[in-house]
C-alpha atoms as a PDB file:
ATOM      1  CA  MET A   1      -5.167  13.850  22.483  1.00  0.00           C
ATOM      2  CA  PRO A   2      -6.129  11.099  20.024  1.00  0.00           C
ATOM      3  CA  ARG A   3      -4.208   7.910  20.790  1.00  0.00           C
ATOM      4  CA  LEU A   4      -2.814   6.229  17.652  1.00  0.00           C
ATOM      5  CA  ALA A   5      -1.135   2.841  17.237  1.00  0.00           C
ATOM      6  CA  LEU A   6       1.036   2.514  14.124  1.00  0.00           C
ATOM      7  CA  VAL A   7       1.456  -1.181  13.261  1.00  0.00           C
ATOM      8  CA  LEU A   8       5.037  -1.791  12.166  1.00  0.00           C
ATOM      9  CA  HIS A   9       4.509  -5.316  10.851  1.00  0.00           C
ATOM     10  CA  GLU A  10       7.367  -7.378   9.413  1.00  0.00           C
ATOM     11  CA  HIS A  11       6.414  -6.753   5.774  1.00  0.00           C
ATOM     12  CA  ALA A  12       5.803  -3.012   6.220  1.00  0.00           C
ATOM     13  CA  MET A  13       7.066  -0.684   3.480  1.00  0.00           C
ATOM     14  CA  LEU A  14       9.102   2.321   4.496  1.00  0.00           C
ATOM     15  CA  TYR A  15       7.367   4.944   2.350  1.00  0.00           C
ATOM     16  CA  GLU A  16       3.919   4.547   3.899  1.00  0.00           C
ATOM     17  CA  VAL A  17       5.398   4.105   7.381  1.00  0.00           C
ATOM     18  CA  ALA A  18       7.233   7.401   6.895  1.00  0.00           C
ATOM     19  CA  ILE A  19       4.033   9.133   5.740  1.00  0.00           C
ATOM     20  CA  ALA A  20       2.149   8.041   8.843  1.00  0.00           C
ATOM     21  CA  ALA A  21       5.072   8.936  11.113  1.00  0.00           C
ATOM     22  CA  GLU A  22       5.385  12.380   9.518  1.00  0.00           C
ATOM     23  CA  VAL A  23       1.692  13.211   9.739  1.00  0.00           C
ATOM     24  CA  PHE A  24       0.886  11.756  13.148  1.00  0.00           C
ATOM     25  CA  GLY A  25       4.220  11.167  14.910  1.00  0.00           C
ATOM     26  CA  VAL A  26       5.639  14.710  14.750  1.00  0.00           C
ATOM     27  CA  ASP A  27       4.255  16.990  17.453  1.00  0.00           C
ATOM     28  CA  ARG A  28       2.366  19.729  15.666  1.00  0.00           C
ATOM     29  CA  SER A  29       0.217  20.788  18.607  1.00  0.00           C
ATOM     30  CA  GLU A  30       0.907  24.429  17.729  1.00  0.00           C
ATOM     31  CA  LEU A  31      -1.413  23.988  14.738  1.00  0.00           C
ATOM     32  CA  SER A  32      -4.347  22.979  16.941  1.00  0.00           C
ATOM     33  CA  PRO A  33      -6.217  25.716  18.850  1.00  0.00           C
ATOM     34  CA  GLY A  34      -6.568  23.382  21.832  1.00  0.00           C
ATOM     35  CA  GLY A  35      -2.962  22.228  21.630  1.00  0.00           C
ATOM     36  CA  ALA A  36      -4.036  18.649  20.895  1.00  0.00           C
ATOM     37  CA  TRP A  37      -2.071  16.305  18.673  1.00  0.00           C
ATOM     38  CA  TYR A  38      -1.718  12.558  18.278  1.00  0.00           C
ATOM     39  CA  ASP A  39      -0.183  10.425  21.000  1.00  0.00           C
ATOM     40  CA  VAL A  40       1.546   7.774  18.855  1.00  0.00           C
ATOM     41  CA  VAL A  41       2.841   4.360  19.856  1.00  0.00           C
ATOM     42  CA  VAL A  42       4.380   1.791  17.533  1.00  0.00           C
ATOM     43  CA  ALA A  43       2.872  -1.693  17.700  1.00  0.00           C
ATOM     44  CA  CYS A  44       5.582  -4.215  16.860  1.00  0.00           C
ATOM     45  CA  PRO A  45       4.938  -7.876  16.028  1.00  0.00           C
ATOM     46  CA  GLU A  46       7.827 -10.318  15.846  1.00  0.00           C
ATOM     47  CA  ARG A  47      10.526  -9.429  13.275  1.00  0.00           C
ATOM     48  CA  SER A  48       9.254  -5.852  13.145  1.00  0.00           C
ATOM     49  CA  PRO A  49      11.619  -3.221  11.626  1.00  0.00           C
ATOM     50  CA  ARG A  50      11.493  -1.386  14.953  1.00  0.00           C
ATOM     51  CA  HIS A  51      14.700   0.528  14.148  1.00  0.00           C
ATOM     52  CA  TRP A  52      12.826   2.612  11.582  1.00  0.00           C
ATOM     53  CA  LEU A  53      11.108   4.638  14.312  1.00  0.00           C
ATOM     54  CA  PRO A  54      13.393   4.625  17.363  1.00  0.00           C
ATOM     55  CA  HIS A  55      12.035   7.955  18.641  1.00  0.00           C
ATOM     56  CA  LEU A  56       8.506   6.632  19.211  1.00  0.00           C
ATOM     57  CA  PRO A  57       7.474   4.418  22.133  1.00  0.00           C
ATOM     58  CA  ALA A  58       6.849   0.764  21.232  1.00  0.00           C
ATOM     59  CA  ILE A  59       4.411  -1.884  22.421  1.00  0.00           C
ATOM     60  CA  GLY A  60       3.709  -5.466  21.389  1.00  0.00           C
ATOM     61  CA  VAL A  61       0.693  -6.188  19.232  1.00  0.00           C
ATOM     62  CA  SER A  62      -0.963  -8.006  22.132  1.00  0.00           C
ATOM     63  CA  GLU A  63      -0.864  -4.687  24.010  1.00  0.00           C
ATOM     64  CA  ILE A  64      -2.858  -2.735  21.419  1.00  0.00           C
ATOM     65  CA  GLY A  65      -6.024  -3.171  23.444  1.00  0.00           C
ATOM     66  CA  GLU A  66      -4.307  -2.017  26.640  1.00  0.00           C
ATOM     67  CA  ALA A  67      -2.983   1.053  24.802  1.00  0.00           C
ATOM     68  CA  ALA A  68      -6.590   2.312  24.495  1.00  0.00           C
ATOM     69  CA  ALA A  69      -5.975   3.498  20.928  1.00  0.00           C
ATOM     70  CA  ASP A  70      -8.589   5.598  19.166  1.00  0.00           C
ATOM     71  CA  LEU A  71      -7.070   4.790  15.780  1.00  0.00           C
ATOM     72  CA  ILE A  72      -4.858   2.042  14.359  1.00  0.00           C
ATOM     73  CA  VAL A  73      -2.887   2.669  11.167  1.00  0.00           C
ATOM     74  CA  VAL A  74      -1.654  -0.325   9.140  1.00  0.00           C
ATOM     75  CA  PRO A  75       0.933   0.615   6.473  1.00  0.00           C
ATOM     76  CA  SER A  76       1.467  -1.182   3.182  1.00  0.00           C
ATOM     77  CA  THR A  77       2.881  -4.671   2.853  1.00  0.00           C
ATOM     78  CA  ASP A  78       5.471  -5.866   0.361  1.00  0.00           C
ATOM     79  CA  SER A  79       3.863  -9.341   0.444  1.00  0.00           C
ATOM     80  CA  PRO A  80       0.171  -8.787  -0.292  1.00  0.00           C
ATOM     81  CA  GLY A  81      -1.980 -11.857   0.231  1.00  0.00           C
ATOM     82  CA  GLU A  82       0.466 -13.692   2.484  1.00  0.00           C
ATOM     83  CA  GLU A  83      -0.817 -15.038   5.775  1.00  0.00           C
ATOM     84  CA  ILE A  84      -0.300 -12.457   8.510  1.00  0.00           C
ATOM     85  CA  ASP A  85       0.879 -12.926  12.076  1.00  0.00           C
ATOM     86  CA  PRO A  86      -2.059 -14.583  13.898  1.00  0.00           C
ATOM     87  CA  ALA A  87      -1.428 -12.396  16.945  1.00  0.00           C
ATOM     88  CA  LEU A  88      -1.701  -9.273  14.782  1.00  0.00           C
ATOM     89  CA  ALA A  89      -4.901 -10.488  13.113  1.00  0.00           C
ATOM     90  CA  ALA A  90      -6.448 -11.249  16.506  1.00  0.00           C
ATOM     91  CA  ALA A  91      -5.394  -7.881  17.897  1.00  0.00           C
ATOM     92  CA  LEU A  92      -6.901  -6.028  14.932  1.00  0.00           C
ATOM     93  CA  ARG A  93     -10.184  -7.935  15.182  1.00  0.00           C
ATOM     94  CA  GLU A  94     -10.405  -7.352  18.931  1.00  0.00           C
ATOM     95  CA  ALA A  95      -9.647  -3.651  18.590  1.00  0.00           C
ATOM     96  CA  HIS A  96     -12.248  -3.244  15.864  1.00  0.00           C
ATOM     97  CA  ALA A  97     -14.836  -5.091  17.957  1.00  0.00           C
ATOM     98  CA  ASN A  98     -14.106  -2.613  20.751  1.00  0.00           C
ATOM     99  CA  GLY A  99     -14.864   0.342  18.487  1.00  0.00           C
ATOM    100  CA  VAL A 100     -11.364   1.355  17.425  1.00  0.00           C
ATOM    101  CA  ARG A 101     -11.057   2.865  13.943  1.00  0.00           C
ATOM    102  CA  ILE A 102      -8.566   1.123  11.657  1.00  0.00           C
ATOM    103  CA  ALA A 103      -6.952   2.696   8.584  1.00  0.00           C
ATOM    104  CA  ALA A 104      -4.933   0.745   6.006  1.00  0.00           C
ATOM    105  CA  LEU A 105      -2.494   2.492   3.686  1.00  0.00           C
ATOM    106  CA  CYS A 106      -1.969   1.195   0.140  1.00  0.00           C
ATOM    107  CA  THR A 107      -1.531  -2.606   0.229  1.00  0.00           C
ATOM    108  CA  GLY A 108      -2.185  -2.545   3.959  1.00  0.00           C
ATOM    109  CA  SER A 109      -5.710  -3.341   2.755  1.00  0.00           C
ATOM    110  CA  PHE A 110      -4.503  -6.928   2.251  1.00  0.00           C
ATOM    111  CA  VAL A 111      -3.651  -7.125   5.965  1.00  0.00           C
ATOM    112  CA  LEU A 112      -7.167  -6.034   6.926  1.00  0.00           C
ATOM    113  CA  ALA A 113      -8.698  -8.390   4.357  1.00  0.00           C
ATOM    114  CA  GLU A 114      -6.642 -11.300   5.687  1.00  0.00           C
ATOM    115  CA  ALA A 115      -7.923 -10.463   9.181  1.00  0.00           C
ATOM    116  CA  GLY A 116     -11.495 -10.573   7.852  1.00  0.00           C
ATOM    117  CA  LEU A 117     -12.156  -6.897   8.545  1.00  0.00           C
ATOM    118  CA  LEU A 118     -13.054  -5.971   4.960  1.00  0.00           C
ATOM    119  CA  ASP A 119     -15.698  -8.662   4.374  1.00  0.00           C
ATOM    120  CA  GLY A 120     -18.809  -7.070   2.889  1.00  0.00           C
ATOM    121  CA  ARG A 121     -17.156  -3.647   2.822  1.00  0.00           C
ATOM    122  CA  ILE A 122     -16.038  -1.244   0.126  1.00  0.00           C
ATOM    123  CA  ALA A 123     -12.259  -0.874   0.088  1.00  0.00           C
ATOM    124  CA  THR A 124      -9.460   0.266  -2.166  1.00  0.00           C
ATOM    125  CA  THR A 125      -5.738  -0.347  -2.610  1.00  0.00           C
ATOM    126  CA  HIS A 126      -3.039   0.476  -5.148  1.00  0.00           C
ATOM    127  CA  TRP A 127      -4.572   0.095  -8.605  1.00  0.00           C
ATOM    128  CA  MET A 128      -1.846  -2.391  -9.599  1.00  0.00           C
ATOM    129  CA  HIS A 129      -3.041  -4.750  -6.843  1.00  0.00           C
ATOM    130  CA  ALA A 130      -6.795  -4.131  -6.992  1.00  0.00           C
ATOM    131  CA  ASP A 131      -7.586  -7.158  -9.155  1.00  0.00           C
ATOM    132  CA  ASP A 132      -5.497  -9.371  -6.888  1.00  0.00           C
ATOM    133  CA  LEU A 133      -7.308  -8.062  -3.799  1.00  0.00           C
ATOM    134  CA  ALA A 134     -10.684  -8.769  -5.408  1.00  0.00           C
ATOM    135  CA  ARG A 135      -9.593 -12.253  -6.524  1.00  0.00           C
ATOM    136  CA  ARG A 136      -8.108 -13.296  -3.197  1.00  0.00           C
ATOM    137  CA  TYR A 137     -10.925 -11.852  -1.098  1.00  0.00           C
ATOM    138  CA  PRO A 138     -14.161 -12.053  -3.100  1.00  0.00           C
ATOM    139  CA  ARG A 139     -16.248 -10.780  -0.173  1.00  0.00           C
ATOM    140  CA  VAL A 140     -14.505  -7.394  -0.406  1.00  0.00           C
ATOM    141  CA  LYS A 141     -16.103  -4.799  -2.699  1.00  0.00           C
ATOM    142  CA  VAL A 142     -12.929  -3.434  -4.272  1.00  0.00           C
ATOM    143  CA  ARG A 143     -12.909   0.069  -5.783  1.00  0.00           C
ATOM    144  CA  ALA A 144      -9.834   0.605  -7.941  1.00  0.00           C
ATOM    145  CA  ASP A 145     -10.889   4.062  -9.109  1.00  0.00           C
ATOM    146  CA  VAL A 146     -10.732   6.152  -5.909  1.00  0.00           C
ATOM    147  CA  LEU A 147      -8.019   7.666  -3.701  1.00  0.00           C
ATOM    148  CA  TYR A 148      -9.430   6.414  -0.423  1.00  0.00           C
ATOM    149  CA  VAL A 149     -12.557   4.952   1.139  1.00  0.00           C
ATOM    150  CA  ASP A 150     -13.937   6.102   4.496  1.00  0.00           C
ATOM    151  CA  GLU A 151     -16.468   3.665   5.920  1.00  0.00           C
ATOM    152  CA  GLY A 152     -16.398   5.292   9.333  1.00  0.00           C
ATOM    153  CA  ASP A 153     -14.680   2.618  11.390  1.00  0.00           C
ATOM    154  CA  ILE A 154     -12.599   1.154   8.536  1.00  0.00           C
ATOM    155  CA  LEU A 155     -10.640   3.324   6.091  1.00  0.00           C
ATOM    156  CA  THR A 156      -8.450   2.248   3.168  1.00  0.00           C
ATOM    157  CA  SER A 157      -6.277   4.212   0.771  1.00  0.00           C
ATOM    158  CA  ALA A 158      -5.067   3.709  -2.760  1.00  0.00           C
ATOM    159  CA  GLY A 159      -1.377   3.447  -3.564  1.00  0.00           C
ATOM    160  CA  LYS A 160       1.608   5.395  -2.393  1.00  0.00           C
ATOM    161  CA  THR A 161       0.892   9.131  -2.059  1.00  0.00           C
ATOM    162  CA  ALA A 162      -2.837   8.493  -1.732  1.00  0.00           C
ATOM    163  CA  ALA A 163      -1.841   7.285   1.746  1.00  0.00           C
ATOM    164  CA  LEU A 164      -0.950  10.888   2.520  1.00  0.00           C
ATOM    165  CA  ASP A 165      -4.400  11.987   1.321  1.00  0.00           C
ATOM    166  CA  LEU A 166      -6.032   9.525   3.716  1.00  0.00           C
ATOM    167  CA  CYS A 167      -3.826  10.622   6.625  1.00  0.00           C
ATOM    168  CA  LEU A 168      -4.740  14.274   6.019  1.00  0.00           C
ATOM    169  CA  HIS A 169      -8.389  13.228   5.773  1.00  0.00           C
ATOM    170  CA  LEU A 170      -8.071  11.635   9.218  1.00  0.00           C
ATOM    171  CA  VAL A 171      -6.542  14.831  10.632  1.00  0.00           C
ATOM    172  CA  ARG A 172      -9.423  16.756   9.093  1.00  0.00           C
ATOM    173  CA  ARG A 173     -11.916  14.401  10.773  1.00  0.00           C
ATOM    174  CA  ASP A 174     -10.192  14.408  14.151  1.00  0.00           C
ATOM    175  CA  LEU A 175      -8.899  17.958  14.511  1.00  0.00           C
ATOM    176  CA  GLY A 176     -10.789  19.982  11.916  1.00  0.00           C
ATOM    177  CA  ALA A 177     -10.326  21.427   8.430  1.00  0.00           C
ATOM    178  CA  ALA A 178      -8.220  24.416   9.546  1.00  0.00           C
ATOM    179  CA  VAL A 179      -5.624  22.154  11.184  1.00  0.00           C
ATOM    180  CA  ALA A 180      -5.527  19.830   8.151  1.00  0.00           C
ATOM    181  CA  ASN A 181      -5.120  22.819   5.828  1.00  0.00           C
ATOM    182  CA  ASP A 182      -2.229  24.202   7.869  1.00  0.00           C
ATOM    183  CA  LEU A 183      -0.590  20.767   7.950  1.00  0.00           C
ATOM    184  CA  GLY A 184      -0.979  20.441   4.179  1.00  0.00           C
ATOM    185  CA  ARG A 185       0.839  23.744   3.744  1.00  0.00           C
ATOM    186  CA  ARG A 186       3.606  22.536   6.067  1.00  0.00           C
ATOM    187  CA  LEU A 187       3.984  19.381   3.984  1.00  0.00           C
ATOM    188  CA  VAL A 188       3.684  21.354   0.713  1.00  0.00           C
ATOM    189  CA  VAL A 189       0.832  19.191  -0.563  1.00  0.00           C
ATOM    190  CA  PRO A 190      -2.839  19.844  -1.347  1.00  0.00           C
ATOM    191  CA  PRO A 191      -4.543  19.848   2.069  1.00  0.00           C
ATOM    192  CA  HIS A 192      -7.568  17.966   0.804  1.00  0.00           C
ATOM    193  CA  ARG A 193      -8.295  15.723  -2.147  1.00  0.00           C
ATOM    194  CA  HIS A 194     -11.686  14.083  -1.989  1.00  0.00           C
ATOM    195  CA  GLY A 195     -11.574  10.312  -1.636  1.00  0.00           C
ATOM    196  CA  GLY A 196     -13.738   9.891  -4.715  1.00  0.00           C
ATOM    197  CA  GLN A 197     -11.098  11.417  -6.968  1.00  0.00           C
ATOM    198  CA  ALA A 198      -9.782   8.820  -9.365  1.00  0.00           C
ATOM    199  CA  GLN A 199      -6.398   7.159  -9.074  1.00  0.00           C
ATOM    200  CA  PHE A 200      -4.112   8.146 -11.932  1.00  0.00           C
ATOM    201  CA  VAL A 201      -3.794   4.686 -13.444  1.00  0.00           C
ATOM    202  CA  SER A 202      -1.750   3.891 -16.506  1.00  0.00           C
ATOM    203  CA  PRO A 203      -3.615   3.999 -19.834  1.00  0.00           C
ATOM    204  CA  PRO A 204      -4.737   0.612 -21.162  1.00  0.00           C
ATOM    205  CA  PRO A 205      -1.907  -1.221 -22.906  1.00  0.00           C
ATOM    206  CA  SER A 206      -1.823  -1.739 -26.641  1.00  0.00           C
ATOM    207  CA  PRO A 207      -3.280  -5.108 -27.601  1.00  0.00           C
ATOM    208  CA  ASP A 208      -0.943  -7.908 -28.548  1.00  0.00           C
ATOM    209  CA  GLY A 209      -0.962  -9.681 -31.893  1.00  0.00           C
ATOM    210  CA  SER A 210      -3.795 -12.100 -31.129  1.00  0.00           C
ATOM    211  CA  GLY A 211      -7.571 -12.076 -31.426  1.00  0.00           C
ATOM    212  CA  LEU A 212      -8.996  -8.632 -32.059  1.00  0.00           C
ATOM    213  CA  ALA A 213      -5.608  -6.890 -32.077  1.00  0.00           C
ATOM    214  CA  ARG A 214      -5.865  -5.799 -35.725  1.00  0.00           C
ATOM    215  CA  THR A 215      -9.306  -4.298 -35.185  1.00  0.00           C
ATOM    216  CA  ALA A 216      -8.149  -2.604 -31.987  1.00  0.00           C
ATOM    217  CA  GLU A 217      -5.180  -1.037 -33.759  1.00  0.00           C
ATOM    218  CA  TRP A 218      -7.425  -0.004 -36.651  1.00  0.00           C
ATOM    219  CA  ALA A 219      -9.739   1.752 -34.223  1.00  0.00           C
ATOM    220  CA  ARG A 220      -6.884   3.383 -32.319  1.00  0.00           C
ATOM    221  CA  SER A 221      -5.573   4.873 -35.548  1.00  0.00           C
ATOM    222  CA  ARG A 222      -8.991   6.464 -36.186  1.00  0.00           C
ATOM    223  CA  LEU A 223      -9.883   7.912 -32.792  1.00  0.00           C
ATOM    224  CA  ASP A 224     -10.390  11.325 -34.361  1.00  0.00           C
ATOM    225  CA  GLN A 225     -13.330   9.887 -36.315  1.00  0.00           C
ATOM    226  CA  PRO A 226     -16.816   8.827 -35.199  1.00  0.00           C
ATOM    227  CA  LEU A 227     -16.757   5.070 -34.671  1.00  0.00           C
ATOM    228  CA  THR A 228     -19.619   2.742 -33.810  1.00  0.00           C
ATOM    229  CA  VAL A 229     -19.912  -0.845 -32.648  1.00  0.00           C
ATOM    230  CA  ALA A 230     -21.068  -1.690 -36.155  1.00  0.00           C
ATOM    231  CA  ASP A 231     -17.855  -0.196 -37.579  1.00  0.00           C
ATOM    232  CA  LEU A 232     -15.719  -2.312 -35.243  1.00  0.00           C
ATOM    233  CA  ALA A 233     -17.753  -5.445 -35.952  1.00  0.00           C
ATOM    234  CA  ARG A 234     -17.532  -4.899 -39.698  1.00  0.00           C
ATOM    235  CA  HIS A 235     -13.745  -4.566 -39.571  1.00  0.00           C
ATOM    236  CA  ALA A 236     -13.454  -7.701 -37.396  1.00  0.00           C
ATOM    237  CA  GLY A 237     -15.808  -9.667 -39.661  1.00  0.00           C
ATOM    238  CA  LEU A 238     -18.166 -10.380 -36.763  1.00  0.00           C
ATOM    239  CA  SER A 239     -21.695  -9.585 -35.775  1.00  0.00           C
ATOM    240  CA  SER A 240     -22.179  -6.929 -33.093  1.00  0.00           C
ATOM    241  CA  ARG A 241     -23.075  -9.624 -30.534  1.00  0.00           C
ATOM    242  CA  GLN A 242     -20.035 -11.708 -31.422  1.00  0.00           C
ATOM    243  CA  LEU A 243     -17.824  -8.634 -31.168  1.00  0.00           C
ATOM    244  CA  ALA A 244     -19.208  -7.786 -27.719  1.00  0.00           C
ATOM    245  CA  ARG A 245     -18.517 -11.320 -26.448  1.00  0.00           C
ATOM    246  CA  ARG A 246     -14.996 -11.349 -27.906  1.00  0.00           C
ATOM    247  CA  MET A 247     -14.107  -7.905 -26.537  1.00  0.00           C
ATOM    248  CA  ARG A 248     -15.280  -8.820 -23.056  1.00  0.00           C
ATOM    249  CA  ALA A 249     -13.202 -11.992 -23.218  1.00  0.00           C
ATOM    250  CA  GLU A 250     -10.046 -10.350 -24.630  1.00  0.00           C
ATOM    251  CA  PHE A 251     -10.175  -6.812 -23.236  1.00  0.00           C
ATOM    252  CA  GLY A 252     -12.527  -7.185 -20.279  1.00  0.00           C
ATOM    253  CA  SER A 253     -14.801  -4.462 -21.580  1.00  0.00           C
ATOM    254  CA  ALA A 254     -17.807  -3.831 -23.803  1.00  0.00           C
ATOM    255  CA  PRO A 255     -16.942  -2.288 -27.208  1.00  0.00           C
ATOM    256  CA  LEU A 256     -18.129   1.251 -26.482  1.00  0.00           C
ATOM    257  CA  ASN A 257     -16.519   1.282 -23.044  1.00  0.00           C
ATOM    258  CA  TRP A 258     -13.252   0.072 -24.555  1.00  0.00           C
ATOM    259  CA  LEU A 259     -13.443   2.747 -27.254  1.00  0.00           C
ATOM    260  CA  HIS A 260     -14.152   5.434 -24.643  1.00  0.00           C
ATOM    261  CA  ARG A 261     -11.111   4.344 -22.622  1.00  0.00           C
ATOM    262  CA  GLN A 262      -8.955   4.549 -25.745  1.00  0.00           C
ATOM    263  CA  ARG A 263     -10.136   8.101 -26.408  1.00  0.00           C
ATOM    264  CA  LEU A 264      -9.341   9.098 -22.832  1.00  0.00           C
ATOM    265  CA  ALA A 265      -5.941   7.403 -23.045  1.00  0.00           C
ATOM    266  CA  ARG A 266      -5.162   9.332 -26.237  1.00  0.00           C
ATOM    267  CA  ALA A 267      -6.172  12.566 -24.523  1.00  0.00           C
ATOM    268  CA  GLN A 268      -3.911  11.734 -21.557  1.00  0.00           C
ATOM    269  CA  GLU A 269      -1.003  11.034 -23.890  1.00  0.00           C
ATOM    270  CA  LEU A 270      -1.467  14.290 -25.813  1.00  0.00           C
ATOM    271  CA  LEU A 271      -1.783  16.317 -22.611  1.00  0.00           C
ATOM    272  CA  GLU A 272       1.441  14.801 -21.293  1.00  0.00           C
ATOM    273  CA  ARG A 273       3.487  15.024 -24.481  1.00  0.00           C
ATOM    274  CA  THR A 274       2.267  18.069 -26.449  1.00  0.00           C
ATOM    275  CA  ASP A 275       1.391  21.737 -25.985  1.00  0.00           C
ATOM    276  CA  SER A 276      -1.744  21.378 -28.120  1.00  0.00           C
ATOM    277  CA  PRO A 277      -4.759  23.318 -26.832  1.00  0.00           C
ATOM    278  CA  VAL A 278      -7.559  21.349 -25.207  1.00  0.00           C
ATOM    279  CA  GLU A 279      -9.882  22.047 -28.141  1.00  0.00           C
ATOM    280  CA  GLN A 280      -7.428  20.440 -30.572  1.00  0.00           C
ATOM    281  CA  ILE A 281      -6.873  17.462 -28.284  1.00  0.00           C
ATOM    282  CA  ALA A 282     -10.635  16.961 -27.988  1.00  0.00           C
ATOM    283  CA  ALA A 283     -10.881  16.766 -31.777  1.00  0.00           C
ATOM    284  CA  SER A 284      -7.851  14.458 -32.040  1.00  0.00           C
ATOM    285  CA  CYS A 285      -9.316  11.885 -29.671  1.00  0.00           C
ATOM    286  CA  GLY A 286     -12.874  12.052 -31.009  1.00  0.00           C
ATOM    287  CA  MET A 287     -14.468  13.889 -28.078  1.00  0.00           C
ATOM    288  CA  GLY A 288     -15.858  16.582 -30.355  1.00  0.00           C
ATOM    289  CA  SER A 289     -15.495  19.656 -28.146  1.00  0.00           C
ATOM    290  CA  ALA A 290     -13.387  20.861 -25.269  1.00  0.00           C
ATOM    291  CA  ALA A 291     -16.469  20.924 -23.047  1.00  0.00           C
ATOM    292  CA  THR A 292     -17.174  17.241 -23.773  1.00  0.00           C
ATOM    293  CA  LEU A 293     -13.551  16.298 -23.094  1.00  0.00           C
ATOM    294  CA  ARG A 294     -13.564  18.210 -19.789  1.00  0.00           C
ATOM    295  CA  ARG A 295     -16.765  16.496 -18.688  1.00  0.00           C
ATOM    296  CA  HIS A 296     -15.560  12.980 -19.534  1.00  0.00           C
ATOM    297  CA  PHE A 297     -12.105  13.672 -18.116  1.00  0.00           C
ATOM    298  CA  ARG A 298     -13.506  14.848 -14.797  1.00  0.00           C
ATOM    299  CA  ASP A 299     -15.929  11.908 -14.655  1.00  0.00           C
ATOM    300  CA  ALA A 300     -13.116   9.409 -15.254  1.00  0.00           C
ATOM    301  CA  LEU A 301     -10.164  10.985 -13.438  1.00  0.00           C
ATOM    302  CA  GLY A 302     -11.679  13.535 -11.077  1.00  0.00           C
ATOM    303  CA  VAL A 303      -9.625  16.439 -12.476  1.00  0.00           C
ATOM    304  CA  SER A 304      -9.794  18.730 -15.490  1.00  0.00           C
ATOM    305  CA  PRO A 305      -7.507  18.267 -18.529  1.00  0.00           C
ATOM    306  CA  SER A 306      -5.542  21.365 -17.482  1.00  0.00           C
ATOM    307  CA  GLU A 307      -5.005  20.013 -13.969  1.00  0.00           C
ATOM    308  CA  TYR A 308      -3.920  16.660 -15.386  1.00  0.00           C
ATOM    309  CA  ARG A 309      -1.453  18.364 -17.732  1.00  0.00           C
ATOM    310  CA  ALA A 310      -0.010  20.425 -14.869  1.00  0.00           C
ATOM    311  CA  THR A 311       0.580  17.224 -12.893  1.00  0.00           C
ATOM    312  CA  PHE A 312       1.966  14.957 -15.629  1.00  0.00           C
ATOM    313  CA  ARG A 313       3.416  17.229 -18.296  1.00  0.00           C
ATOM    314  CA  LEU A 314       6.627  15.629 -19.588  1.00  0.00           C
ATOM    315  CA  ALA A 315       9.679  17.838 -19.926  1.00  0.00           C
END
C-alpha cells in the first residue's frame, strides 16, 4: 500500500484538502485488483486545522521521515509567498532528499518554492497567482497555461479543480489506468485530463483609457476583418517598431499575439453567450474558417470549441 502524508499546514485551504482526502483518504481498495489503496496520515505543524480530518491518523511534521511516506501532498495556501514553518520546510527538503515524491495542489506550489524545492524546475499554480510565483521565485520556471506538471519527484497542479486532475494522475501512476478510470466514474469527473491541457483563464481585460486604449478598442470592434500590424500602427499614429514597443509595455504582448488573443477571447465569449454555429463564430472573430478556429482553440486551450461551449455555456 502506498504510504501518503497529507500536510495540513496552518494556511491550508479546505477545498484542496478535501480533494486529497476524498481521493486518497477513503478506502477504495475494492477498485484495485490487488486490494491496495493509500495508507494516509495527516502531518500537522503547529496551529494546524487538525479538526478538518479527525478520522485520519496524525503525526507531527518532524515525524514525516519516520512515517516512511512514498508521497507527500501539500494542499493550497491562503497566504502565498509568506514564510512557512521552518520545521515544515526542513521536513519537506529532507523527505525529498530521501527520494519521497512531493505533490503541491494549487497555491501549495508557493510552499514548495519557499522550501527551495522548485528551484530550476518547471511548475504551475493557479493562473491568478502565476505571475506572483514567478516574481517571488525567479528560479522557478512557471507555466501558467497547463493543468499540472509532473517532473517525476515533484508535481504541481494549477488552481482548484485541477488539483483533482493531479490527484487522479497520481492514482493512475501508482495503481494503474483502470483504477483511476473507475475512481473518476465514482467521483463523476473525467478520469484523465492530460497535464498539458490549458487552464481556462479569463479572457484579457478591456484596456483602460490610457495609452493605446483607443487603438485597442478600434481593433476589437473590427475582429471580423483582416488586420495587420501596419493597420494598428497607422491608427495609433506610430511606426510598426514604435507600436511593438508600446504594446509590449502596455499589454505585455507583441501586436500580432495580442490580436490573436483578442480573437480567441471573442470566440470564447460567443461560444458562452450565443447559439451561433462554429462557422459563424469563426467568421465573427476573424479566424476565417471553422477548421482554423478549431486548430487555434485546441492549441491555446487544449479543447475544441464544442467542448468549451459544453463546459461554459451560460444559461
